[in-house]
Amino acid sequence: MGLVRNIGFDRFPEQGKYKGRTVRVCFEYDLSRTVDGVVIRDDAEFPGRTIIQLDDGRVVLASECQFQLLDD
């Protein structure tokens, strides 16, 4: 459990430009195996998390994978 000063019942970090964008994700730089997904959170301020919902249902942090924007 934790406490973050700008996350609460009525407050949430401002979201950045990647929220809602479609991405292609790989792990360990292995471009032969990718999965698409959508950025569901992209904090523009503290705590600075980017979270991706993959098409197969998994949810990963951007710090756990590599991703490329698909909908430029």
PDB file of N, CA and C in Angstrom:
ATOM      1  N   MET A   1       0.839  -1.178   0.000  1.00  0.00           N
ATOM      2  CA  MET A   1       0.000   0.000   0.000  1.00  0.00           C
ATOM      3  C   MET A   1       0.880   1.235   0.000  1.00  0.00           C
ATOM      4  N   GLY A   2       0.276   2.328  -0.388  1.00  0.00           N
ATOM      5  CA  GLY A   2       1.057   3.544  -0.429  1.00  0.00           C
ATOM      6  C   GLY A   2       0.196   4.782  -0.403  1.00  0.00           C
ATOM      7  N   LEU A   3       0.869   5.887  -0.421  1.00  0.00           N
ATOM      8  CA  LEU A   3       0.229   7.195  -0.401  1.00  0.00           C
ATOM      9  C   LEU A   3       0.978   8.077  -1.384  1.00  0.00           C
ATOM     10  N   VAL A   4       0.268   8.653  -2.335  1.00  0.00           N
ATOM     11  CA  VAL A   4       0.852   9.587  -3.287  1.00  0.00           C
ATOM     12  C   VAL A   4       0.067  10.877  -3.170  1.00  0.00           C
ATOM     13  N   ARG A   5       0.757  11.972  -2.963  1.00  0.00           N
ATOM     14  CA  ARG A   5       0.104  13.243  -2.621  1.00  0.00           C
ATOM     15  C   ARG A   5      -0.896  13.756  -3.651  1.00  0.00           C
ATOM     16  N   ASN A   6      -0.696  13.422  -4.934  1.00  0.00           N
ATOM     17  CA  ASN A   6      -1.621  13.948  -5.938  1.00  0.00           C
ATOM     18  C   ASN A   6      -2.537  12.874  -6.533  1.00  0.00           C
ATOM     19  N   ILE A   7      -2.697  11.763  -5.826  1.00  0.00           N
ATOM     20  CA  ILE A   7      -3.660  10.748  -6.235  1.00  0.00           C
ATOM     21  C   ILE A   7      -4.611  10.505  -5.074  1.00  0.00           C
ATOM     22  N   GLY A   8      -5.875  10.699  -5.317  1.00  0.00           N
ATOM     23  CA  GLY A   8      -6.885  10.499  -4.282  1.00  0.00           C
ATOM     24  C   GLY A   8      -8.255  10.378  -4.913  1.00  0.00           C
ATOM     25  N   PHE A   9      -9.252  10.385  -4.076  1.00  0.00           N
ATOM     26  CA  PHE A   9     -10.632  10.227  -4.547  1.00  0.00           C
ATOM     27  C   PHE A   9     -10.990  11.271  -5.595  1.00  0.00           C
ATOM     28  N   ASP A  10     -10.543  12.507  -5.393  1.00  0.00           N
ATOM     29  CA  ASP A  10     -10.926  13.594  -6.300  1.00  0.00           C
ATOM     30  C   ASP A  10      -9.730  14.266  -6.973  1.00  0.00           C
ATOM     31  N   ARG A  11      -8.587  13.588  -7.035  1.00  0.00           N
ATOM     32  CA  ARG A  11      -7.435  14.155  -7.724  1.00  0.00           C
ATOM     33  C   ARG A  11      -6.609  13.034  -8.363  1.00  0.00           C
ATOM     34  N   PHE A  12      -5.980  13.370  -9.498  1.00  0.00           N
ATOM     35  CA  PHE A  12      -5.218  12.387 -10.263  1.00  0.00           C
ATOM     36  C   PHE A  12      -4.193  13.158 -11.079  1.00  0.00           C
ATOM     37  N   PRO A  13      -3.028  12.571 -11.350  1.00  0.00           N
ATOM     38  CA  PRO A  13      -2.014  13.293 -12.123  1.00  0.00           C
ATOM     39  C   PRO A  13      -2.528  13.704 -13.504  1.00  0.00           C
ATOM     40  N   GLU A  14      -2.097  14.854 -13.959  1.00  0.00           N
ATOM     41  CA  GLU A  14      -2.409  15.276 -15.319  1.00  0.00           C
ATOM     42  C   GLU A  14      -1.864  14.220 -16.274  1.00  0.00           C
ATOM     43  N   GLN A  15      -2.642  13.913 -17.309  1.00  0.00           N
ATOM     44  CA  GLN A  15      -2.237  12.876 -18.252  1.00  0.00           C
ATOM     45  C   GLN A  15      -1.523  13.473 -19.457  1.00  0.00           C
ATOM     46  N   GLY A  16      -0.535  12.743 -19.948  1.00  0.00           N
ATOM     47  CA  GLY A  16       0.294  13.185 -21.058  1.00  0.00           C
ATOM     48  C   GLY A  16      -0.274  12.832 -22.419  1.00  0.00           C
ATOM     49  N   LYS A  17       0.545  13.023 -23.425  1.00  0.00           N
ATOM     50  CA  LYS A  17       0.114  12.882 -24.819  1.00  0.00           C
ATOM     51  C   LYS A  17      -0.053  11.444 -25.286  1.00  0.00           C
ATOM     52  N   TYR A  18       0.439  10.456 -24.533  1.00  0.00           N
ATOM     53  CA  TYR A  18       0.337   9.064 -24.974  1.00  0.00           C
ATOM     54  C   TYR A  18      -0.944   8.365 -24.521  1.00  0.00           C
ATOM     55  N   LYS A  19      -1.665   8.925 -23.558  1.00  0.00           N
ATOM     56  CA  LYS A  19      -2.877   8.266 -23.060  1.00  0.00           C
ATOM     57  C   LYS A  19      -3.879   8.063 -24.200  1.00  0.00           C
ATOM     58  N   GLY A  20      -4.364   6.813 -24.327  1.00  0.00           N
ATOM     59  CA  GLY A  20      -5.322   6.476 -25.365  1.00  0.00           C
ATOM     60  C   GLY A  20      -4.698   6.089 -26.695  1.00  0.00           C
ATOM     61  N   ARG A  21      -3.390   6.184 -26.808  1.00  0.00           N
ATOM     62  CA  ARG A  21      -2.708   5.869 -28.061  1.00  0.00           C
ATOM     63  C   ARG A  21      -2.475   4.370 -28.200  1.00  0.00           C
ATOM     64  N   THR A  22      -2.517   3.879 -29.424  1.00  0.00           N
ATOM     65  CA  THR A  22      -2.243   2.480 -29.728  1.00  0.00           C
ATOM     66  C   THR A  22      -0.734   2.284 -29.869  1.00  0.00           C
ATOM     67  N   VAL A  23      -0.235   1.199 -29.282  1.00  0.00           N
ATOM     68  CA  VAL A  23       1.203   0.930 -29.300  1.00  0.00           C
ATOM     69  C   VAL A  23       1.474  -0.533 -29.656  1.00  0.00           C
ATOM     70  N   ARG A  24       2.686  -0.784 -30.109  1.00  0.00           N
ATOM     71  CA  ARG A  24       3.182  -2.152 -30.305  1.00  0.00           C
ATOM     72  C   ARG A  24       4.271  -2.366 -29.263  1.00  0.00           C
ATOM     73  N   VAL A  25       4.168  -3.475 -28.521  1.00  0.00           N
ATOM     74  CA  VAL A  25       5.040  -3.735 -27.375  1.00  0.00           C
ATOM     75  C   VAL A  25       5.884  -4.972 -27.622  1.00  0.00           C
ATOM     76  N   CYS A  26       7.146  -4.903 -27.186  1.00  0.00           N
ATOM     77  CA  CYS A  26       7.984  -6.099 -27.147  1.00  0.00           C
ATOM     78  C   CYS A  26       8.692  -6.118 -25.800  1.00  0.00           C
ATOM     79  N   PHE A  27       9.281  -7.247 -25.484  1.00  0.00           N
ATOM     80  CA  PHE A  27      10.000  -7.421 -24.230  1.00  0.00           C
ATOM     81  C   PHE A  27      11.428  -7.857 -24.532  1.00  0.00           C
ATOM     82  N   GLU A  28      12.360  -7.388 -23.744  1.00  0.00           N
ATOM     83  CA  GLU A  28      13.775  -7.746 -23.881  1.00  0.00           C
ATOM     84  C   GLU A  28      14.286  -7.456 -25.294  1.00  0.00           C
ATOM     85  N   TYR A  29      13.738  -6.416 -25.934  1.00  0.00           N
ATOM     86  CA  TYR A  29      14.141  -5.961 -27.266  1.00  0.00           C
ATOM     87  C   TYR A  29      13.942  -7.012 -28.354  1.00  0.00           C
ATOM     88  N   ASP A  30      13.073  -7.979 -28.125  1.00  0.00           N
ATOM     89  CA  ASP A  30      12.809  -9.056 -29.081  1.00  0.00           C
ATOM     90  C   ASP A  30      11.688  -8.637 -30.032  1.00  0.00           C
ATOM     91  N   LEU A  31      12.062  -8.069 -31.173  1.00  0.00           N
ATOM     92  CA  LEU A  31      11.072  -7.576 -32.134  1.00  0.00           C
ATOM     93  C   LEU A  31      10.397  -8.688 -32.918  1.00  0.00           C
ATOM     94  N   SER A  32      10.832  -9.922 -32.760  1.00  0.00           N
ATOM     95  CA  SER A  32      10.179 -11.033 -33.453  1.00  0.00           C
ATOM     96  C   SER A  32       8.897 -11.460 -32.741  1.00  0.00           C
ATOM     97  N   ARG A  33       8.711 -10.981 -31.513  1.00  0.00           N
ATOM     98  CA  ARG A  33       7.500 -11.318 -30.744  1.00  0.00           C
ATOM     99  C   ARG A  33       6.940 -10.030 -30.161  1.00  0.00           C
ATOM    100  N   THR A  34       5.839  -9.554 -30.744  1.00  0.00           N
ATOM    101  CA  THR A  34       5.228  -8.305 -30.299  1.00  0.00           C
ATOM    102  C   THR A  34       3.754  -8.518 -29.995  1.00  0.00           C
ATOM    103  N   VAL A  35       3.205  -7.595 -29.251  1.00  0.00           N
ATOM    104  CA  VAL A  35       1.776  -7.589 -28.960  1.00  0.00           C
ATOM    105  C   VAL A  35       1.330  -6.127 -28.945  1.00  0.00           C
ATOM    106  N   ASP A  36       0.171  -5.848 -29.498  1.00  0.00           N
ATOM    107  CA  ASP A  36      -0.347  -4.486 -29.521  1.00  0.00           C
ATOM    108  C   ASP A  36      -1.084  -4.189 -28.219  1.00  0.00           C
ATOM    109  N   GLY A  37      -1.285  -2.910 -27.971  1.00  0.00           N
ATOM    110  CA  GLY A  37      -1.991  -2.499 -26.765  1.00  0.00           C
ATOM    111  C   GLY A  37      -2.367  -1.035 -26.831  1.00  0.00           C
ATOM    112  N   VAL A  38      -2.917  -0.539 -25.724  1.00  0.00           N
ATOM    113  CA  VAL A  38      -3.342   0.856 -25.607  1.00  0.00           C
ATOM    114  C   VAL A  38      -2.778   1.422 -24.309  1.00  0.00           C
ATOM    115  N   VAL A  39      -2.248   2.632 -24.390  1.00  0.00           N
ATOM    116  CA  VAL A  39      -1.760   3.316 -23.189  1.00  0.00           C
ATOM    117  C   VAL A  39      -2.980   3.766 -22.388  1.00  0.00           C
ATOM    118  N   ILE A  40      -3.111   3.233 -21.180  1.00  0.00           N
ATOM    119  CA  ILE A  40      -4.274   3.580 -20.360  1.00  0.00           C
ATOM    120  C   ILE A  40      -3.944   4.628 -19.308  1.00  0.00           C
ATOM    121  N   ARG A  41      -2.661   4.893 -19.101  1.00  0.00           N
ATOM    122  CA  ARG A  41      -2.262   5.945 -18.165  1.00  0.00           C
ATOM    123  C   ARG A  41      -0.894   6.453 -18.575  1.00  0.00           C
ATOM    124  N   ASP A  42      -0.751   7.772 -18.629  1.00  0.00           N
ATOM    125  CA  ASP A  42       0.517   8.405 -18.987  1.00  0.00           C
ATOM    126  C   ASP A  42       0.660   9.679 -18.167  1.00  0.00           C
ATOM    127  N   ASP A  43       1.196   9.535 -16.977  1.00  0.00           N
ATOM    128  CA  ASP A  43       1.311  10.674 -16.064  1.00  0.00           C
ATOM    129  C   ASP A  43       2.269  11.728 -16.598  1.00  0.00           C
ATOM    130  N   ALA A  44       1.796  12.967 -16.698  1.00  0.00           N
ATOM    131  CA  ALA A  44       2.633  14.094 -17.096  1.00  0.00           C
ATOM    132  C   ALA A  44       3.280  14.749 -15.874  1.00  0.00           C
ATOM    133  N   GLU A  45       2.963  14.253 -14.702  1.00  0.00           N
ATOM    134  CA  GLU A  45       3.538  14.757 -13.456  1.00  0.00           C
ATOM    135  C   GLU A  45       3.734  13.576 -12.504  1.00  0.00           C
ATOM    136  N   PHE A  46       4.272  13.841 -11.333  1.00  0.00           N
ATOM    137  CA  PHE A  46       4.533  12.786 -10.366  1.00  0.00           C
ATOM    138  C   PHE A  46       3.287  11.933 -10.139  1.00  0.00           C
ATOM    139  N   PRO A  47       3.372  10.596 -10.117  1.00  0.00           N
ATOM    140  CA  PRO A  47       4.562   9.761 -10.036  1.00  0.00           C
ATOM    141  C   PRO A  47       5.152   9.339 -11.372  1.00  0.00           C
ATOM    142  N   GLY A  48       4.664   9.842 -12.483  1.00  0.00           N
ATOM    143  CA  GLY A  48       5.291   9.611 -13.775  1.00  0.00           C
ATOM    144  C   GLY A  48       5.148   8.203 -14.324  1.00  0.00           C
ATOM    145  N   ARG A  49       4.032   7.562 -14.092  1.00  0.00           N
ATOM    146  CA  ARG A  49       3.814   6.195 -14.574  1.00  0.00           C
ATOM    147  C   ARG A  49       3.183   6.198 -15.968  1.00  0.00           C
ATOM    148  N   THR A  50       3.642   5.279 -16.803  1.00  0.00           N
ATOM    149  CA  THR A  50       2.977   4.990 -18.069  1.00  0.00           C
ATOM    150  C   THR A  50       2.586   3.525 -18.014  1.00  0.00           C
ATOM    151  N   ILE A  51       1.292   3.256 -18.205  1.00  0.00           N
ATOM    152  CA  ILE A  51       0.754   1.903 -18.085  1.00  0.00           C
ATOM    153  C   ILE A  51       0.060   1.536 -19.387  1.00  0.00           C
ATOM    154  N   ILE A  52       0.324   0.312 -19.846  1.00  0.00           N
ATOM    155  CA  ILE A  52      -0.199  -0.163 -21.129  1.00  0.00           C
ATOM    156  C   ILE A  52      -1.058  -1.406 -20.904  1.00  0.00           C
ATOM    157  N   GLN A  53      -2.271  -1.401 -21.467  1.00  0.00           N
ATOM    158  CA  GLN A  53      -3.145  -2.573 -21.465  1.00  0.00           C
ATOM    159  C   GLN A  53      -2.905  -3.290 -22.784  1.00  0.00           C
ATOM    160  N   LEU A  54      -2.349  -4.500 -22.719  1.00  0.00           N
ATOM    161  CA  LEU A  54      -2.068  -5.269 -23.926  1.00  0.00           C
ATOM    162  C   LEU A  54      -3.334  -5.933 -24.452  1.00  0.00           C
ATOM    163  N   ASP A  55      -3.360  -6.208 -25.749  1.00  0.00           N
ATOM    164  CA  ASP A  55      -4.531  -6.830 -26.370  1.00  0.00           C
ATOM    165  C   ASP A  55      -4.836  -8.210 -25.796  1.00  0.00           C
ATOM    166  N   ASP A  56      -3.831  -8.863 -25.189  1.00  0.00           N
ATOM    167  CA  ASP A  56      -4.077 -10.185 -24.601  1.00  0.00           C
ATOM    168  C   ASP A  56      -4.546 -10.104 -23.151  1.00  0.00           C
ATOM    169  N   GLY A  57      -4.823  -8.868 -22.674  1.00  0.00           N
ATOM    170  CA  GLY A  57      -5.377  -8.684 -21.341  1.00  0.00           C
ATOM    171  C   GLY A  57      -4.375  -8.308 -20.264  1.00  0.00           C
ATOM    172  N   ARG A  58      -3.090  -8.537 -20.516  1.00  0.00           N
ATOM    173  CA  ARG A  58      -2.090  -8.173 -19.519  1.00  0.00           C
ATOM    174  C   ARG A  58      -1.966  -6.664 -19.421  1.00  0.00           C
ATOM    175  N   VAL A  59      -1.489  -6.201 -18.279  1.00  0.00           N
ATOM    176  CA  VAL A  59      -1.227  -4.789 -18.050  1.00  0.00           C
ATOM    177  C   VAL A  59       0.227  -4.670 -17.614  1.00  0.00           C
ATOM    178  N   VAL A  60       1.000  -3.809 -18.304  1.00  0.00           N
ATOM    179  CA  VAL A  60       2.421  -3.667 -17.998  1.00  0.00           C
ATOM    180  C   VAL A  60       2.783  -2.199 -17.842  1.00  0.00           C
ATOM    181  N   LEU A  61       3.841  -1.968 -17.096  1.00  0.00           N
ATOM    182  CA  LEU A  61       4.425  -0.633 -16.997  1.00  0.00           C
ATOM    183  C   LEU A  61       5.346  -0.418 -18.188  1.00  0.00           C
ATOM    184  N   ALA A  62       5.467   0.825 -18.637  1.00  0.00           N
ATOM    185  CA  ALA A  62       6.379   1.124 -19.739  1.00  0.00           C
ATOM    186  C   ALA A  62       7.821   0.791 -19.364  1.00  0.00           C
ATOM    187  N   SER A  63       8.131   0.810 -18.086  1.00  0.00           N
ATOM    188  CA  SER A  63       9.482   0.479 -17.639  1.00  0.00           C
ATOM    189  C   SER A  63       9.784  -1.017 -17.719  1.00  0.00           C
ATOM    190  N   GLU A  64       8.774  -1.840 -18.018  1.00  0.00           N
ATOM    191  CA  GLU A  64       8.945  -3.292 -18.097  1.00  0.00           C
ATOM    192  C   GLU A  64       9.042  -3.796 -19.540  1.00  0.00           C
ATOM    193  N   CYS A  65       8.949  -2.882 -20.513  1.00  0.00           N
ATOM    194  CA  CYS A  65       8.897  -3.291 -21.921  1.00  0.00           C
ATOM    195  C   CYS A  65       9.441  -2.169 -22.792  1.00  0.00           C
ATOM    196  N   GLN A  66       9.396  -2.406 -24.089  1.00  0.00           N
ATOM    197  CA  GLN A  66       9.685  -1.369 -25.066  1.00  0.00           C
ATOM    198  C   GLN A  66       8.425  -1.212 -25.918  1.00  0.00           C
ATOM    199  N   PHE A  67       8.108   0.038 -26.301  1.00  0.00           N
ATOM    200  CA  PHE A  67       6.898   0.233 -27.100  1.00  0.00           C
ATOM    201  C   PHE A  67       7.102   1.272 -28.177  1.00  0.00           C
ATOM    202  N   GLN A  68       6.279   1.132 -29.221  1.00  0.00           N
ATOM    203  CA  GLN A  68       6.305   2.015 -30.358  1.00  0.00           C
ATOM    204  C   GLN A  68       4.885   2.489 -30.633  1.00  0.00           C
ATOM    205  N   LEU A  69       4.698   3.779 -30.872  1.00  0.00           N
ATOM    206  CA  LEU A  69       3.386   4.314 -31.221  1.00  0.00           C
ATOM    207  C   LEU A  69       2.964   3.802 -32.590  1.00  0.00           C
ATOM    208  N   LEU A  70       1.701   3.417 -32.730  1.00  0.00           N
ATOM    209  CA  LEU A  70       1.193   2.921 -34.005  1.00  0.00           C
ATOM    210  C   LEU A  70       0.264   3.905 -34.708  1.00  0.00           C
ATOM    211  N   ASP A  71      -0.333   4.816 -33.969  1.00  0.00           N
ATOM    212  CA  ASP A  71      -1.365   5.676 -34.564  1.00  0.00           C
ATOM    213  C   ASP A  71      -0.879   7.108 -34.759  1.00  0.00           C
ATOM    214  N   ASP A  72       0.270   7.254 -35.391  1.00  0.00           N
ATOM    215  CA  ASP A  72       0.790   8.613 -35.655  1.00  0.00           C
ATOM    216  C   ASP A  72      -0.021   9.305 -36.711  1.00  0.00           C
TER     217      ASP A  72
END
